[in-house]
């Protein structure tokens, strides 16, 4: 357990940050799932709308350090590619 007051404060902050990061991670997964469901249902308009919602969320999550920048970029790229393939 933490001994100094600064270490105790750091432990409290870590608990709060963990909760925030957990909720951000959950939101990303939910939004990505909504795009994937729209793709699997074959509804291109719905998929495009969901993609427009999920892209800024992924970028913001990467900026906050919850996920790596390139991971977010890769996810956006792959989802965009799959939505684009629906029209072909």
Protein backbone atom coordinates (compact mmCIF):
# COMPACT_ATOMS: atom_id res chain seq x y z
CA UNK A 1 0.00 0.00 0.00
CA UNK A 2 1.06 3.60 -0.58
CA UNK A 3 3.00 5.19 2.29
CA UNK A 4 3.43 8.85 1.35
CA UNK A 5 0.57 11.29 0.87
CA UNK A 6 1.56 11.87 -2.76
CA UNK A 7 1.52 8.13 -3.44
CA UNK A 8 -1.92 7.87 -1.83
CA UNK A 9 -3.19 10.69 -4.03
CA UNK A 10 -1.69 9.04 -7.12
CA UNK A 11 -3.50 5.81 -6.21
CA UNK A 12 -6.81 7.69 -5.92
CA UNK A 13 -6.24 9.40 -9.26
CA UNK A 14 -5.40 6.08 -10.91
CA UNK A 15 -8.71 4.60 -9.77
CA UNK A 16 -10.64 7.56 -11.25
CA UNK A 17 -8.70 7.47 -14.53
CA UNK A 18 -9.25 3.72 -14.82
CA UNK A 19 -13.03 4.23 -14.61
CA UNK A 20 -12.97 6.97 -17.25
CA UNK A 21 -10.78 4.92 -19.59
CA UNK A 22 -12.98 1.86 -19.09
CA UNK A 23 -16.07 3.82 -20.14
CA UNK A 24 -14.25 5.23 -23.19
CA UNK A 25 -13.14 1.75 -24.23
CA UNK A 26 -16.68 0.42 -23.82
CA UNK A 27 -18.13 3.27 -25.89
CA UNK A 28 -15.66 2.59 -28.71
CA UNK A 29 -16.54 -1.10 -28.75
CA UNK A 30 -20.28 -0.34 -28.80
CA UNK A 31 -20.00 2.17 -31.64
CA UNK A 32 -17.74 -0.12 -33.71
CA UNK A 33 -20.26 -2.92 -33.15
CA UNK A 34 -23.06 -0.69 -34.47
CA UNK A 35 -21.12 -0.13 -37.72
CA UNK A 36 -20.43 -3.85 -38.06
CA UNK A 37 -24.11 -4.67 -37.49
CA UNK A 38 -25.14 -2.17 -40.17
CA UNK A 39 -22.61 -3.72 -42.57
CA UNK A 40 -23.85 -7.25 -41.89
CA UNK A 41 -27.49 -6.16 -42.32
CA UNK A 42 -26.57 -4.66 -45.71
CA UNK A 43 -27.92 -1.19 -44.91
CA UNK A 44 -25.36 1.13 -46.50
CA UNK A 45 -26.96 4.40 -45.35
CA UNK A 46 -27.09 3.20 -41.77
CA UNK A 47 -23.47 1.99 -42.00
CA UNK A 48 -22.30 5.38 -43.33
CA UNK A 49 -24.14 7.20 -40.54
CA UNK A 50 -22.66 4.89 -37.89
CA UNK A 51 -19.19 5.30 -39.41
CA UNK A 52 -19.52 9.09 -39.23
CA UNK A 53 -20.28 8.73 -35.51
CA UNK A 54 -17.52 6.22 -34.68
CA UNK A 55 -14.62 7.91 -36.50
CA UNK A 56 -14.29 10.98 -34.21
CA UNK A 57 -14.80 8.77 -31.15
CA UNK A 58 -11.90 6.54 -32.21
CA UNK A 59 -9.65 9.54 -32.90
CA UNK A 60 -10.55 11.15 -29.57
CA UNK A 61 -9.91 7.90 -27.72
CA UNK A 62 -6.46 7.72 -29.29
CA UNK A 63 -5.74 11.35 -28.38
CA UNK A 64 -6.63 10.63 -24.76
CA UNK A 65 -4.16 7.75 -24.70
CA UNK A 66 -6.72 5.00 -24.15
CA UNK A 67 -5.64 3.30 -27.37
CA UNK A 68 -2.67 3.80 -29.65
CA UNK A 69 -3.01 6.31 -32.47
CA UNK A 70 -2.22 3.75 -35.13
CA UNK A 71 -4.70 1.26 -33.67
CA UNK A 72 -7.48 3.83 -34.00
CA UNK A 73 -6.35 4.71 -37.51
CA UNK A 74 -6.32 1.05 -38.51
CA UNK A 75 -9.84 0.50 -37.15
CA UNK A 76 -11.19 3.55 -39.02
CA UNK A 77 -9.47 2.44 -42.20
CA UNK A 78 -10.80 -1.12 -42.05
CA UNK A 79 -14.35 -0.02 -41.26
CA UNK A 80 -14.28 2.53 -44.09
CA UNK A 81 -12.99 -0.12 -46.47
CA UNK A 82 -15.81 -2.50 -45.49
CA UNK A 83 -18.49 0.19 -45.91
CA UNK A 84 -17.04 1.19 -49.26
CA UNK A 85 -17.11 -2.45 -50.42
CA UNK A 86 -20.88 -2.58 -49.79
CA UNK A 87 -21.63 -0.40 -52.83
CA UNK A 88 -19.59 -2.59 -55.18
